[in-house]
């Protein structure tokens, strides 16, 4: 009985690890690959959202609003930004996929992970 439980646990961990890897690939394919190709500074964008909205929840809502209806008036970036970088086209992803990608984006660039506490 113990072996069956152990095998089930290992299989569930492998499945969740593969789902996480697939979702990270999705973030890379759907968002970051274009940012890198066009040399759009993702960390700068994250920091601008952080300065204006200050919490992950508020940042997530603002990013979702922008991704669903990308307009300069919905963007956090100054108008000069759009002289150098192209205007984003609306993504054809459903809300669940967008929210998952936004969550991954916020986790990837989270500045709290870069803090170093000295003892």
PDB file of N, CA and C in Angstrom:
ATOM      1  N   UNK A   1       0.824  -1.190   0.000  1.00  0.00           N
ATOM      2  CA  UNK A   1       0.000   0.000   0.000  1.00  0.00           C
ATOM      3  C   UNK A   1       0.869   1.255   0.000  1.00  0.00           C
ATOM      4  N   UNK A   2       1.920   1.230   0.785  1.00  0.00           N
ATOM      5  CA  UNK A   2       2.833   2.372   0.864  1.00  0.00           C
ATOM      6  C   UNK A   2       3.513   2.641  -0.466  1.00  0.00           C
ATOM      7  N   UNK A   3       3.854   1.572  -1.192  1.00  0.00           N
ATOM      8  CA  UNK A   3       4.513   1.727  -2.489  1.00  0.00           C
ATOM      9  C   UNK A   3       3.569   2.397  -3.495  1.00  0.00           C
ATOM     10  N   UNK A   4       2.304   2.039  -3.446  1.00  0.00           N
ATOM     11  CA  UNK A   4       1.321   2.622  -4.369  1.00  0.00           C
ATOM     12  C   UNK A   4       1.179   4.121  -4.108  1.00  0.00           C
ATOM     13  N   UNK A   5       1.112   4.481  -2.833  1.00  0.00           N
ATOM     14  CA  UNK A   5       1.000   5.897  -2.469  1.00  0.00           C
ATOM     15  C   UNK A   5       2.248   6.649  -2.912  1.00  0.00           C
ATOM     16  N   UNK A   6       3.411   6.060  -2.702  1.00  0.00           N
ATOM     17  CA  UNK A   6       4.671   6.697  -3.088  1.00  0.00           C
ATOM     18  C   UNK A   6       4.739   6.891  -4.603  1.00  0.00           C
ATOM     19  N   UNK A   7       4.350   5.883  -5.353  1.00  0.00           N
ATOM     20  CA  UNK A   7       4.366   5.970  -6.825  1.00  0.00           C
ATOM     21  C   UNK A   7       3.384   7.048  -7.291  1.00  0.00           C
ATOM     22  N   UNK A   8       2.209   7.108  -6.664  1.00  0.00           N
ATOM     23  CA  UNK A   8       1.217   8.124  -7.030  1.00  0.00           C
ATOM     24  C   UNK A   8       1.745   9.526  -6.745  1.00  0.00           C
ATOM     25  N   UNK A   9       2.440   9.689  -5.621  1.00  0.00           N
ATOM     26  CA  UNK A   9       3.010  10.999  -5.285  1.00  0.00           C
ATOM     27  C   UNK A   9       4.073  11.400  -6.289  1.00  0.00           C
ATOM     28  N   UNK A  10       4.943  10.485  -6.651  1.00  0.00           N
ATOM     29  CA  UNK A  10       6.007  10.774  -7.611  1.00  0.00           C
ATOM     30  C   UNK A  10       5.405  11.147  -8.965  1.00  0.00           C
ATOM     31  N   UNK A  11       4.400  10.400  -9.401  1.00  0.00           N
ATOM     32  CA  UNK A  11       3.760  10.694 -10.681  1.00  0.00           C
ATOM     33  C   UNK A  11       3.077  12.053 -10.672  1.00  0.00           C
ATOM     34  N   UNK A  12       2.428  12.392  -9.563  1.00  0.00           N
ATOM     35  CA  UNK A  12       1.759  13.698  -9.492  1.00  0.00           C
ATOM     36  C   UNK A  12       2.782  14.835  -9.488  1.00  0.00           C
ATOM     37  N   UNK A  13       3.938  14.631  -8.827  1.00  0.00           N
ATOM     38  CA  UNK A  13       4.986  15.660  -8.846  1.00  0.00           C
ATOM     39  C   UNK A  13       5.555  15.828 -10.239  1.00  0.00           C
ATOM     40  N   UNK A  14       5.759  14.730 -10.949  1.00  0.00           N
ATOM     41  CA  UNK A  14       6.267  14.816 -12.316  1.00  0.00           C
ATOM     42  C   UNK A  14       5.273  15.533 -13.223  1.00  0.00           C
ATOM     43  N   UNK A  15       4.002  15.245 -13.046  1.00  0.00           N
ATOM     44  CA  UNK A  15       2.968  15.887 -13.852  1.00  0.00           C
ATOM     45  C   UNK A  15       2.918  17.386 -13.581  1.00  0.00           C
ATOM     46  N   UNK A  16       2.950  17.779 -12.316  1.00  0.00           N
ATOM     47  CA  UNK A  16       2.908  19.210 -11.993  1.00  0.00           C
ATOM     48  C   UNK A  16       4.177  19.912 -12.460  1.00  0.00           C
ATOM     49  N   UNK A  17       5.318  19.235 -12.405  1.00  0.00           N
ATOM     50  CA  UNK A  17       6.569  19.830 -12.895  1.00  0.00           C
ATOM     51  C   UNK A  17       6.513  20.038 -14.404  1.00  0.00           C
ATOM     52  N   UNK A  18       5.928  19.091 -15.129  1.00  0.00           N
ATOM     53  CA  UNK A  18       5.825  19.245 -16.584  1.00  0.00           C
ATOM     54  C   UNK A  18       4.839  20.352 -16.940  1.00  0.00           C
ATOM     55  N   UNK A  19       3.753  20.508 -16.163  1.00  0.00           N
ATOM     56  CA  UNK A  19       2.805  21.602 -16.398  1.00  0.00           C
ATOM     57  C   UNK A  19       3.474  22.946 -16.145  1.00  0.00           C
ATOM     58  N   UNK A  20       4.284  23.037 -15.090  1.00  0.00           N
ATOM     59  CA  UNK A  20       4.997  24.268 -14.791  1.00  0.00           C
ATOM     60  C   UNK A  20       5.976  24.599 -15.909  1.00  0.00           C
ATOM     61  N   UNK A  21       6.703  23.607 -16.386  1.00  0.00           N
ATOM     62  CA  UNK A  21       7.643  23.837 -17.483  1.00  0.00           C
ATOM     63  C   UNK A  21       6.902  24.278 -18.739  1.00  0.00           C
ATOM     64  N   UNK A  22       5.745  23.677 -19.009  1.00  0.00           N
ATOM     65  CA  UNK A  22       4.955  24.068 -20.181  1.00  0.00           C
ATOM     66  C   UNK A  22       4.448  25.491 -20.043  1.00  0.00           C
ATOM     67  N   UNK A  23       4.040  25.880 -18.838  1.00  0.00           N
ATOM     68  CA  UNK A  23       3.547  27.242 -18.651  1.00  0.00           C
ATOM     69  C   UNK A  23       4.683  28.255 -18.774  1.00  0.00           C
ATOM     70  N   UNK A  24       5.889  27.898 -18.311  1.00  0.00           N
ATOM     71  CA  UNK A  24       7.038  28.792 -18.476  1.00  0.00           C
ATOM     72  C   UNK A  24       7.376  28.952 -19.949  1.00  0.00           C
ATOM     73  N   UNK A  25       7.268  27.862 -20.713  1.00  0.00           N
ATOM     74  CA  UNK A  25       7.502  27.934 -22.152  1.00  0.00           C
ATOM     75  C   UNK A  25       6.450  28.837 -22.789  1.00  0.00           C
ATOM     76  N   UNK A  26       5.209  28.747 -22.309  1.00  0.00           N
ATOM     77  CA  UNK A  26       4.134  29.579 -22.826  1.00  0.00           C
ATOM     78  C   UNK A  26       4.436  31.058 -22.603  1.00  0.00           C
ATOM     79  N   UNK A  27       4.896  31.414 -21.417  1.00  0.00           N
ATOM     80  CA  UNK A  27       5.271  32.800 -21.130  1.00  0.00           C
ATOM     81  C   UNK A  27       6.379  33.244 -22.065  1.00  0.00           C
ATOM     82  N   UNK A  28       7.369  32.402 -22.257  1.00  0.00           N
ATOM     83  CA  UNK A  28       8.486  32.740 -23.130  1.00  0.00           C
ATOM     84  C   UNK A  28       8.005  32.918 -24.566  1.00  0.00           C
ATOM     85  N   UNK A  29       7.169  31.994 -25.049  1.00  0.00           N
ATOM     86  CA  UNK A  29       6.687  32.059 -26.432  1.00  0.00           C
ATOM     87  C   UNK A  29       5.712  33.205 -26.655  1.00  0.00           C
ATOM     88  N   UNK A  30       4.788  33.404 -25.723  1.00  0.00           N
ATOM     89  CA  UNK A  30       3.730  34.391 -25.925  1.00  0.00           C
ATOM     90  C   UNK A  30       4.187  35.820 -25.679  1.00  0.00           C
ATOM     91  N   UNK A  31       5.151  36.016 -24.795  1.00  0.00           N
ATOM     92  CA  UNK A  31       5.480  37.387 -24.377  1.00  0.00           C
ATOM     93  C   UNK A  31       6.955  37.737 -24.529  1.00  0.00           C
ATOM     94  N   UNK A  32       7.771  37.024 -23.787  1.00  0.00           N
ATOM     95  CA  UNK A  32       9.155  37.444 -23.646  1.00  0.00           C
ATOM     96  C   UNK A  32       9.969  37.307 -24.921  1.00  0.00           C
ATOM     97  N   UNK A  33       9.621  36.375 -25.800  1.00  0.00           N
ATOM     98  CA  UNK A  33      10.379  36.231 -27.040  1.00  0.00           C
ATOM     99  C   UNK A  33      10.261  37.498 -27.883  1.00  0.00           C
ATOM    100  N   UNK A  34       9.075  38.080 -27.958  1.00  0.00           N
ATOM    101  CA  UNK A  34       8.907  39.340 -28.710  1.00  0.00           C
ATOM    102  C   UNK A  34       9.627  40.486 -28.011  1.00  0.00           C
ATOM    103  N   UNK A  35       9.546  40.522 -26.681  1.00  0.00           N
ATOM    104  CA  UNK A  35      10.245  41.572 -25.940  1.00  0.00           C
ATOM    105  C   UNK A  35      11.750  41.506 -26.219  1.00  0.00           C
ATOM    106  N   UNK A  36      12.290  40.300 -26.200  1.00  0.00           N
ATOM    107  CA  UNK A  36      13.725  40.133 -26.440  1.00  0.00           C
ATOM    108  C   UNK A  36      14.082  40.468 -27.888  1.00  0.00           C
ATOM    109  N   UNK A  37      13.263  40.018 -28.833  1.00  0.00           N
ATOM    110  CA  UNK A  37      13.525  40.256 -30.249  1.00  0.00           C
ATOM    111  C   UNK A  37      13.513  41.753 -30.572  1.00  0.00           C
ATOM    112  N   UNK A  38      12.573  42.478 -29.981  1.00  0.00           N
ATOM    113  CA  UNK A  38      12.454  43.913 -30.241  1.00  0.00           C
ATOM    114  C   UNK A  38      13.245  44.744 -29.236  1.00  0.00           C
ATOM    115  N   UNK A  39      13.963  44.074 -28.351  1.00  0.00           N
ATOM    116  CA  UNK A  39      14.787  44.696 -27.312  1.00  0.00           C
ATOM    117  C   UNK A  39      13.968  45.628 -26.419  1.00  0.00           C
ATOM    118  N   UNK A  40      12.779  45.156 -26.057  1.00  0.00           N
ATOM    119  CA  UNK A  40      11.925  45.892 -25.131  1.00  0.00           C
ATOM    120  C   UNK A  40      12.340  45.479 -23.721  1.00  0.00           C
ATOM    121  N   UNK A  41      12.695  46.435 -22.879  1.00  0.00           N
ATOM    122  CA  UNK A  41      13.211  46.113 -21.540  1.00  0.00           C
ATOM    123  C   UNK A  41      12.108  45.683 -20.569  1.00  0.00           C
ATOM    124  N   UNK A  42      11.918  44.379 -20.418  1.00  0.00           N
ATOM    125  CA  UNK A  42      10.853  43.848 -19.567  1.00  0.00           C
ATOM    126  C   UNK A  42      11.005  44.269 -18.112  1.00  0.00           C
ATOM    127  N   UNK A  43      12.225  44.319 -17.611  1.00  0.00           N
ATOM    128  CA  UNK A  43      12.420  44.719 -16.216  1.00  0.00           C
ATOM    129  C   UNK A  43      12.024  46.177 -16.003  1.00  0.00           C
ATOM    130  N   UNK A  44      12.306  47.024 -16.970  1.00  0.00           N
ATOM    131  CA  UNK A  44      11.912  48.432 -16.880  1.00  0.00           C
ATOM    132  C   UNK A  44      10.391  48.548 -16.849  1.00  0.00           C
ATOM    133  N   UNK A  45       9.719  47.793 -17.692  1.00  0.00           N
ATOM    134  CA  UNK A  45       8.258  47.823 -17.726  1.00  0.00           C
ATOM    135  C   UNK A  45       7.702  47.347 -16.385  1.00  0.00           C
ATOM    136  N   UNK A  46       8.267  46.262 -15.863  1.00  0.00           N
ATOM    137  CA  UNK A  46       7.815  45.753 -14.558  1.00  0.00           C
ATOM    138  C   UNK A  46       7.977  46.834 -13.486  1.00  0.00           C
ATOM    139  N   UNK A  47       9.107  47.493 -13.464  1.00  0.00           N
ATOM    140  CA  UNK A  47       9.361  48.513 -12.434  1.00  0.00           C
ATOM    141  C   UNK A  47       8.410  49.698 -12.566  1.00  0.00           C
ATOM    142  N   UNK A  48       8.070  50.072 -13.783  1.00  0.00           N
ATOM    143  CA  UNK A  48       7.112  51.171 -13.982  1.00  0.00           C
ATOM    144  C   UNK A  48       5.743  50.775 -13.433  1.00  0.00           C
ATOM    145  N   UNK A  49       5.318  49.534 -13.705  1.00  0.00           N
ATOM    146  CA  UNK A  49       4.056  49.056 -13.147  1.00  0.00           C
ATOM    147  C   UNK A  49       4.125  49.028 -11.628  1.00  0.00           C
ATOM    148  N   UNK A  50       5.232  48.582 -11.098  1.00  0.00           N
ATOM    149  CA  UNK A  50       5.399  48.504  -9.649  1.00  0.00           C
ATOM    150  C   UNK A  50       5.312  49.894  -9.010  1.00  0.00           C
ATOM    151  N   UNK A  51       5.964  50.885  -9.614  1.00  0.00           N
ATOM    152  CA  UNK A  51       5.927  52.243  -9.065  1.00  0.00           C
ATOM    153  C   UNK A  51       4.517  52.826  -9.084  1.00  0.00           C
ATOM    154  N   UNK A  52       3.756  52.536 -10.117  1.00  0.00           N
ATOM    155  CA  UNK A  52       2.417  53.115 -10.228  1.00  0.00           C
ATOM    156  C   UNK A  52       1.379  52.342  -9.423  1.00  0.00           C
ATOM    157  N   UNK A  53       1.434  51.016  -9.468  1.00  0.00           N
ATOM    158  CA  UNK A  53       0.364  50.206  -8.875  1.00  0.00           C
ATOM    159  C   UNK A  53       0.745  49.543  -7.552  1.00  0.00           C
ATOM    160  N   UNK A  54       1.999  49.355  -7.283  1.00  0.00           N
ATOM    161  CA  UNK A  54       2.588  48.912  -6.018  1.00  0.00           C
ATOM    162  C   UNK A  54       2.255  47.503  -5.513  1.00  0.00           C
ATOM    163  N   UNK A  55       1.202  46.868  -5.960  1.00  0.00           N
ATOM    164  CA  UNK A  55       0.926  45.493  -5.528  1.00  0.00           C
ATOM    165  C   UNK A  55       0.760  44.596  -6.758  1.00  0.00           C
ATOM    166  N   UNK A  56       1.052  43.314  -6.572  1.00  0.00           N
ATOM    167  CA  UNK A  56       0.906  42.362  -7.674  1.00  0.00           C
ATOM    168  C   UNK A  56      -0.527  42.317  -8.189  1.00  0.00           C
ATOM    169  N   UNK A  57      -1.487  42.400  -7.285  1.00  0.00           N
ATOM    170  CA  UNK A  57      -2.888  42.316  -7.667  1.00  0.00           C
ATOM    171  C   UNK A  57      -3.269  43.496  -8.572  1.00  0.00           C
ATOM    172  N   UNK A  58      -2.907  44.701  -8.168  1.00  0.00           N
ATOM    173  CA  UNK A  58      -3.229  45.890  -8.968  1.00  0.00           C
ATOM    174  C   UNK A  58      -2.439  45.900 -10.277  1.00  0.00           C
ATOM    175  N   UNK A  59      -1.180  45.465 -10.226  1.00  0.00           N
ATOM    176  CA  UNK A  59      -0.377  45.391 -11.449  1.00  0.00           C
ATOM    177  C   UNK A  59      -0.992  44.389 -12.415  1.00  0.00           C
ATOM    178  N   UNK A  60      -1.410  43.243 -11.907  1.00  0.00           N
ATOM    179  CA  UNK A  60      -2.014  42.214 -12.740  1.00  0.00           C
ATOM    180  C   UNK A  60      -3.268  42.714 -13.444  1.00  0.00           C
ATOM    181  N   UNK A  61      -4.113  43.456 -12.712  1.00  0.00           N
ATOM    182  CA  UNK A  61      -5.328  44.006 -13.311  1.00  0.00           C
ATOM    183  C   UNK A  61      -4.985  44.999 -14.418  1.00  0.00           C
ATOM    184  N   UNK A  62      -4.003  45.859 -14.169  1.00  0.00           N
ATOM    185  CA  UNK A  62      -3.623  46.866 -15.161  1.00  0.00           C
ATOM    186  C   UNK A  62      -3.016  46.216 -16.402  1.00  0.00           C
ATOM    187  N   UNK A  63      -2.180  45.219 -16.209  1.00  0.00           N
ATOM    188  CA  UNK A  63      -1.564  44.526 -17.351  1.00  0.00           C
ATOM    189  C   UNK A  63      -2.641  43.800 -18.148  1.00  0.00           C
ATOM    190  N   UNK A  64      -3.562  43.129 -17.469  1.00  0.00           N
ATOM    191  CA  UNK A  64      -4.653  42.423 -18.143  1.00  0.00           C
ATOM    192  C   UNK A  64      -5.489  43.409 -18.967  1.00  0.00           C
ATOM    193  N   UNK A  65      -5.800  44.550 -18.391  1.00  0.00           N
ATOM    194  CA  UNK A  65      -6.575  45.569 -19.098  1.00  0.00           C
ATOM    195  C   UNK A  65      -5.836  46.024 -20.355  1.00  0.00           C
ATOM    196  N   UNK A  66      -4.548  46.242 -20.235  1.00  0.00           N
ATOM    197  CA  UNK A  66      -3.756  46.664 -21.395  1.00  0.00           C
ATOM    198  C   UNK A  66      -3.680  45.575 -22.462  1.00  0.00           C
ATOM    199  N   UNK A  67      -3.455  44.333 -22.047  1.00  0.00           N
ATOM    200  CA  UNK A  67      -3.317  43.246 -23.016  1.00  0.00           C
ATOM    201  C   UNK A  67      -4.622  42.957 -23.764  1.00  0.00           C
ATOM    202  N   UNK A  68      -5.749  43.161 -23.103  1.00  0.00           N
ATOM    203  CA  UNK A  68      -7.032  42.937 -23.745  1.00  0.00           C
ATOM    204  C   UNK A  68      -7.385  44.064 -24.714  1.00  0.00           C
ATOM    205  N   UNK A  69      -6.927  45.274 -24.405  1.00  0.00           N
ATOM    206  CA  UNK A  69      -7.246  46.435 -25.242  1.00  0.00           C
ATOM    207  C   UNK A  69      -6.027  47.364 -25.278  1.00  0.00           C
ATOM    208  N   UNK A  70      -4.988  46.976 -26.045  1.00  0.00           N
ATOM    209  CA  UNK A  70      -3.758  47.767 -26.044  1.00  0.00           C
ATOM    210  C   UNK A  70      -3.915  49.111 -26.762  1.00  0.00           C
ATOM    211  N   UNK A  71      -3.899  50.147 -25.971  1.00  0.00           N
ATOM    212  CA  UNK A  71      -3.941  51.517 -26.481  1.00  0.00           C
ATOM    213  C   UNK A  71      -2.901  52.310 -25.707  1.00  0.00           C
ATOM    214  N   UNK A  72      -2.448  53.380 -26.304  1.00  0.00           N
ATOM    215  CA  UNK A  72      -1.474  54.223 -25.615  1.00  0.00           C
ATOM    216  C   UNK A  72      -2.060  54.763 -24.309  1.00  0.00           C
ATOM    217  N   UNK A  73      -3.341  55.042 -24.308  1.00  0.00           N
ATOM    218  CA  UNK A  73      -3.974  55.578 -23.097  1.00  0.00           C
ATOM    219  C   UNK A  73      -4.040  54.547 -21.973  1.00  0.00           C
ATOM    220  N   UNK A  74      -3.947  53.252 -22.302  1.00  0.00           N
ATOM    221  CA  UNK A  74      -3.967  52.197 -21.287  1.00  0.00           C
ATOM    222  C   UNK A  74      -2.564  51.764 -20.880  1.00  0.00           C
ATOM    223  N   UNK A  75      -1.573  52.291 -21.543  1.00  0.00           N
ATOM    224  CA  UNK A  75      -0.200  51.864 -21.299  1.00  0.00           C
ATOM    225  C   UNK A  75       0.432  52.638 -20.144  1.00  0.00           C
ATOM    226  N   UNK A  76       1.352  51.996 -19.485  1.00  0.00           N
ATOM    227  CA  UNK A  76       2.114  52.608 -18.409  1.00  0.00           C
ATOM    228  C   UNK A  76       3.317  53.380 -18.960  1.00  0.00           C
ATOM    229  N   UNK A  77       3.641  53.124 -20.207  1.00  0.00           N
ATOM    230  CA  UNK A  77       4.831  53.707 -20.814  1.00  0.00           C
ATOM    231  C   UNK A  77       4.539  55.117 -21.339  1.00  0.00           C
ATOM    232  N   UNK A  78       5.548  55.996 -21.312  1.00  0.00           N
ATOM    233  CA  UNK A  78       5.359  57.351 -21.846  1.00  0.00           C
ATOM    234  C   UNK A  78       5.207  57.310 -23.372  1.00  0.00           C
ATOM    235  N   UNK A  79       4.648  58.365 -23.944  1.00  0.00           N
ATOM    236  CA  UNK A  79       4.406  58.405 -25.389  1.00  0.00           C
ATOM    237  C   UNK A  79       5.692  58.242 -26.200  1.00  0.00           C
ATOM    238  N   UNK A  80       6.832  58.724 -25.682  1.00  0.00           N
ATOM    239  CA  UNK A  80       8.105  58.592 -26.390  1.00  0.00           C
ATOM    240  C   UNK A  80       8.491  57.132 -26.595  1.00  0.00           C
ATOM    241  N   UNK A  81       8.053  56.269 -25.706  1.00  0.00           N
ATOM    242  CA  UNK A  81       8.331  54.839 -25.800  1.00  0.00           C
ATOM    243  C   UNK A  81       7.838  54.293 -27.134  1.00  0.00           C
ATOM    244  N   UNK A  82       6.682  54.776 -27.581  1.00  0.00           N
ATOM    245  CA  UNK A  82       6.071  54.256 -28.802  1.00  0.00           C
ATOM    246  C   UNK A  82       6.719  54.807 -30.069  1.00  0.00           C
ATOM    247  N   UNK A  83       7.609  55.771 -29.923  1.00  0.00           N
ATOM    248  CA  UNK A  83       8.398  56.218 -31.072  1.00  0.00           C
ATOM    249  C   UNK A  83       9.479  55.193 -31.401  1.00  0.00           C
ATOM    250  N   UNK A  84       9.945  54.513 -30.370  1.00  0.00           N
ATOM    251  CA  UNK A  84      11.013  53.525 -30.551  1.00  0.00           C
ATOM    252  C   UNK A  84      10.477  52.104 -30.710  1.00  0.00           C
ATOM    253  N   UNK A  85       9.400  51.786 -29.988  1.00  0.00           N
ATOM    254  CA  UNK A  85       8.863  50.433 -29.984  1.00  0.00           C
ATOM    255  C   UNK A  85       7.465  50.427 -30.591  1.00  0.00           C
ATOM    256  N   UNK A  86       7.105  49.338 -31.286  1.00  0.00           N
ATOM    257  CA  UNK A  86       5.786  49.285 -31.929  1.00  0.00           C
ATOM    258  C   UNK A  86       4.655  49.127 -30.910  1.00  0.00           C
ATOM    259  N   UNK A  87       3.482  49.566 -31.312  1.00  0.00           N
ATOM    260  CA  UNK A  87       2.291  49.404 -30.473  1.00  0.00           C
ATOM    261  C   UNK A  87       1.904  47.932 -30.450  1.00  0.00           C
ATOM    262  N   UNK A  88       1.590  47.430 -29.289  1.00  0.00           N
ATOM    263  CA  UNK A  88       1.223  46.032 -29.090  1.00  0.00           C
ATOM    264  C   UNK A  88      -0.109  45.724 -29.751  1.00  0.00           C
ATOM    265  N   UNK A  89      -0.200  44.541 -30.325  1.00  0.00           N
ATOM    266  CA  UNK A  89      -1.468  44.058 -30.857  1.00  0.00           C
ATOM    267  C   UNK A  89      -2.154  43.226 -29.772  1.00  0.00           C
ATOM    268  N   UNK A  90      -3.470  43.195 -29.798  1.00  0.00           N
ATOM    269  CA  UNK A  90      -4.227  42.428 -28.803  1.00  0.00           C
ATOM    270  C   UNK A  90      -3.880  40.945 -28.924  1.00  0.00           C
ATOM    271  N   UNK A  91      -3.686  40.306 -27.776  1.00  0.00           N
ATOM    272  CA  UNK A  91      -3.396  38.871 -27.768  1.00  0.00           C
ATOM    273  C   UNK A  91      -4.684  38.084 -27.913  1.00  0.00           C
ATOM    274  N   UNK A  92      -4.608  36.997 -28.622  1.00  0.00           N
ATOM    275  CA  UNK A  92      -5.778  36.145 -28.810  1.00  0.00           C
ATOM    276  C   UNK A  92      -5.737  34.978 -27.827  1.00  0.00           C
ATOM    277  N   UNK A  93      -5.658  35.310 -26.553  1.00  0.00           N
ATOM    278  CA  UNK A  93      -5.652  34.316 -25.485  1.00  0.00           C
ATOM    279  C   UNK A  93      -6.870  34.560 -24.607  1.00  0.00           C
ATOM    280  N   UNK A  94      -7.384  33.496 -23.996  1.00  0.00           N
ATOM    281  CA  UNK A  94      -8.513  33.693 -23.094  1.00  0.00           C
ATOM    282  C   UNK A  94      -8.018  34.240 -21.748  1.00  0.00           C
ATOM    283  N   UNK A  95      -8.964  34.664 -20.914  1.00  0.00           N
ATOM    284  CA  UNK A  95      -8.613  35.286 -19.631  1.00  0.00           C
ATOM    285  C   UNK A  95      -7.762  34.383 -18.751  1.00  0.00           C
ATOM    286  N   UNK A  96      -8.039  33.087 -18.759  1.00  0.00           N
ATOM    287  CA  UNK A  96      -7.294  32.156 -17.920  1.00  0.00           C
ATOM    288  C   UNK A  96      -5.827  32.126 -18.336  1.00  0.00           C
ATOM    289  N   UNK A  97      -5.578  32.026 -19.635  1.00  0.00           N
ATOM    290  CA  UNK A  97      -4.201  32.001 -20.135  1.00  0.00           C
ATOM    291  C   UNK A  97      -3.502  33.336 -19.881  1.00  0.00           C
ATOM    292  N   UNK A  98      -4.223  34.437 -20.096  1.00  0.00           N
ATOM    293  CA  UNK A  98      -3.636  35.755 -19.848  1.00  0.00           C
ATOM    294  C   UNK A  98      -3.269  35.925 -18.378  1.00  0.00           C
ATOM    295  N   UNK A  99      -4.177  35.560 -17.499  1.00  0.00           N
ATOM    296  CA  UNK A  99      -3.912  35.699 -16.061  1.00  0.00           C
ATOM    297  C   UNK A  99      -2.744  34.825 -15.625  1.00  0.00           C
ATOM    298  N   UNK A 100      -2.661  33.615 -16.175  1.00  0.00           N
ATOM    299  CA  UNK A 100      -1.535  32.727 -15.835  1.00  0.00           C
ATOM    300  C   UNK A 100      -0.222  33.324 -16.334  1.00  0.00           C
ATOM    301  N   UNK A 101      -0.219  33.857 -17.553  1.00  0.00           N
ATOM    302  CA  UNK A 101       0.985  34.484 -18.092  1.00  0.00           C
ATOM    303  C   UNK A 101       1.389  35.721 -17.317  1.00  0.00           C
ATOM    304  N   UNK A 102       0.414  36.520 -16.917  1.00  0.00           N
ATOM    305  CA  UNK A 102       0.695  37.722 -16.120  1.00  0.00           C
ATOM    306  C   UNK A 102       1.284  37.334 -14.776  1.00  0.00           C
ATOM    307  N   UNK A 103       0.723  36.308 -14.162  1.00  0.00           N
ATOM    308  CA  UNK A 103       1.244  35.841 -12.868  1.00  0.00           C
ATOM    309  C   UNK A 103       2.702  35.396 -13.005  1.00  0.00           C
ATOM    310  N   UNK A 104       3.005  34.660 -14.072  1.00  0.00           N
ATOM    311  CA  UNK A 104       4.380  34.214 -14.313  1.00  0.00           C
ATOM    312  C   UNK A 104       5.301  35.407 -14.554  1.00  0.00           C
ATOM    313  N   UNK A 105       4.819  36.379 -15.312  1.00  0.00           N
ATOM    314  CA  UNK A 105       5.596  37.584 -15.596  1.00  0.00           C
ATOM    315  C   UNK A 105       5.927  38.315 -14.299  1.00  0.00           C
ATOM    316  N   UNK A 106       4.927  38.493 -13.448  1.00  0.00           N
ATOM    317  CA  UNK A 106       5.139  39.191 -12.183  1.00  0.00           C
ATOM    318  C   UNK A 106       6.104  38.425 -11.282  1.00  0.00           C
ATOM    319  N   UNK A 107       6.020  37.101 -11.293  1.00  0.00           N
ATOM    320  CA  UNK A 107       6.942  36.294 -10.490  1.00  0.00           C
ATOM    321  C   UNK A 107       8.364  36.346 -11.045  1.00  0.00           C
ATOM    322  N   UNK A 108       8.481  36.341 -12.364  1.00  0.00           N
ATOM    323  CA  UNK A 108       9.800  36.331 -12.989  1.00  0.00           C
ATOM    324  C   UNK A 108      10.578  37.612 -12.686  1.00  0.00           C
ATOM    325  N   UNK A 109       9.916  38.745 -12.717  1.00  0.00           N
ATOM    326  CA  UNK A 109      10.604  40.019 -12.545  1.00  0.00           C
ATOM    327  C   UNK A 109      10.435  40.613 -11.150  1.00  0.00           C
ATOM    328  N   UNK A 110       9.906  39.835 -10.220  1.00  0.00           N
ATOM    329  CA  UNK A 110       9.667  40.307  -8.855  1.00  0.00           C
ATOM    330  C   UNK A 110      10.955  40.834  -8.228  1.00  0.00           C
ATOM    331  N   UNK A 111      10.954  42.098  -7.831  1.00  0.00           N
ATOM    332  CA  UNK A 111      12.154  42.703  -7.258  1.00  0.00           C
ATOM    333  C   UNK A 111      12.452  42.195  -5.858  1.00  0.00           C
ATOM    334  N   UNK A 112      11.435  41.686  -5.174  1.00  0.00           N
ATOM    335  CA  UNK A 112      11.657  41.166  -3.823  1.00  0.00           C
ATOM    336  C   UNK A 112      12.617  39.988  -3.820  1.00  0.00           C
ATOM    337  N   UNK A 113      12.682  39.263  -4.929  1.00  0.00           N
ATOM    338  CA  UNK A 113      13.590  38.126  -5.026  1.00  0.00           C
ATOM    339  C   UNK A 113      15.052  38.578  -5.119  1.00  0.00           C
ATOM    340  N   UNK A 114      15.242  39.836  -5.457  1.00  0.00           N
ATOM    341  CA  UNK A 114      16.601  40.346  -5.632  1.00  0.00           C
ATOM    342  C   UNK A 114      17.160  40.993  -4.367  1.00  0.00           C
ATOM    343  N   UNK A 115      16.304  41.127  -3.344  1.00  0.00           N
ATOM    344  CA  UNK A 115      16.781  41.703  -2.095  1.00  0.00           C
ATOM    345  C   UNK A 115      17.725  40.727  -1.392  1.00  0.00           C
ATOM    346  N   UNK A 116      18.763  41.264  -0.833  1.00  0.00           N
ATOM    347  CA  UNK A 116      19.716  40.450  -0.064  1.00  0.00           C
ATOM    348  C   UNK A 116      19.722  40.990   1.357  1.00  0.00           C
ATOM    349  N   UNK A 117      19.373  40.134   2.289  1.00  0.00           N
ATOM    350  CA  UNK A 117      19.375  40.533   3.698  1.00  0.00           C
ATOM    351  C   UNK A 117      20.670  40.053   4.336  1.00  0.00           C
ATOM    352  N   UNK A 118      21.325  40.969   4.969  1.00  0.00           N
ATOM    353  CA  UNK A 118      22.571  40.603   5.661  1.00  0.00           C
ATOM    354  C   UNK A 118      22.264  40.349   7.115  1.00  0.00           C
ATOM    355  N   UNK A 119      22.988  39.407   7.676  1.00  0.00           N
ATOM    356  CA  UNK A 119      22.774  39.057   9.087  1.00  0.00           C
ATOM    357  C   UNK A 119      23.721  39.816   9.956  1.00  0.00           C
TER     358      UNK A 119
END
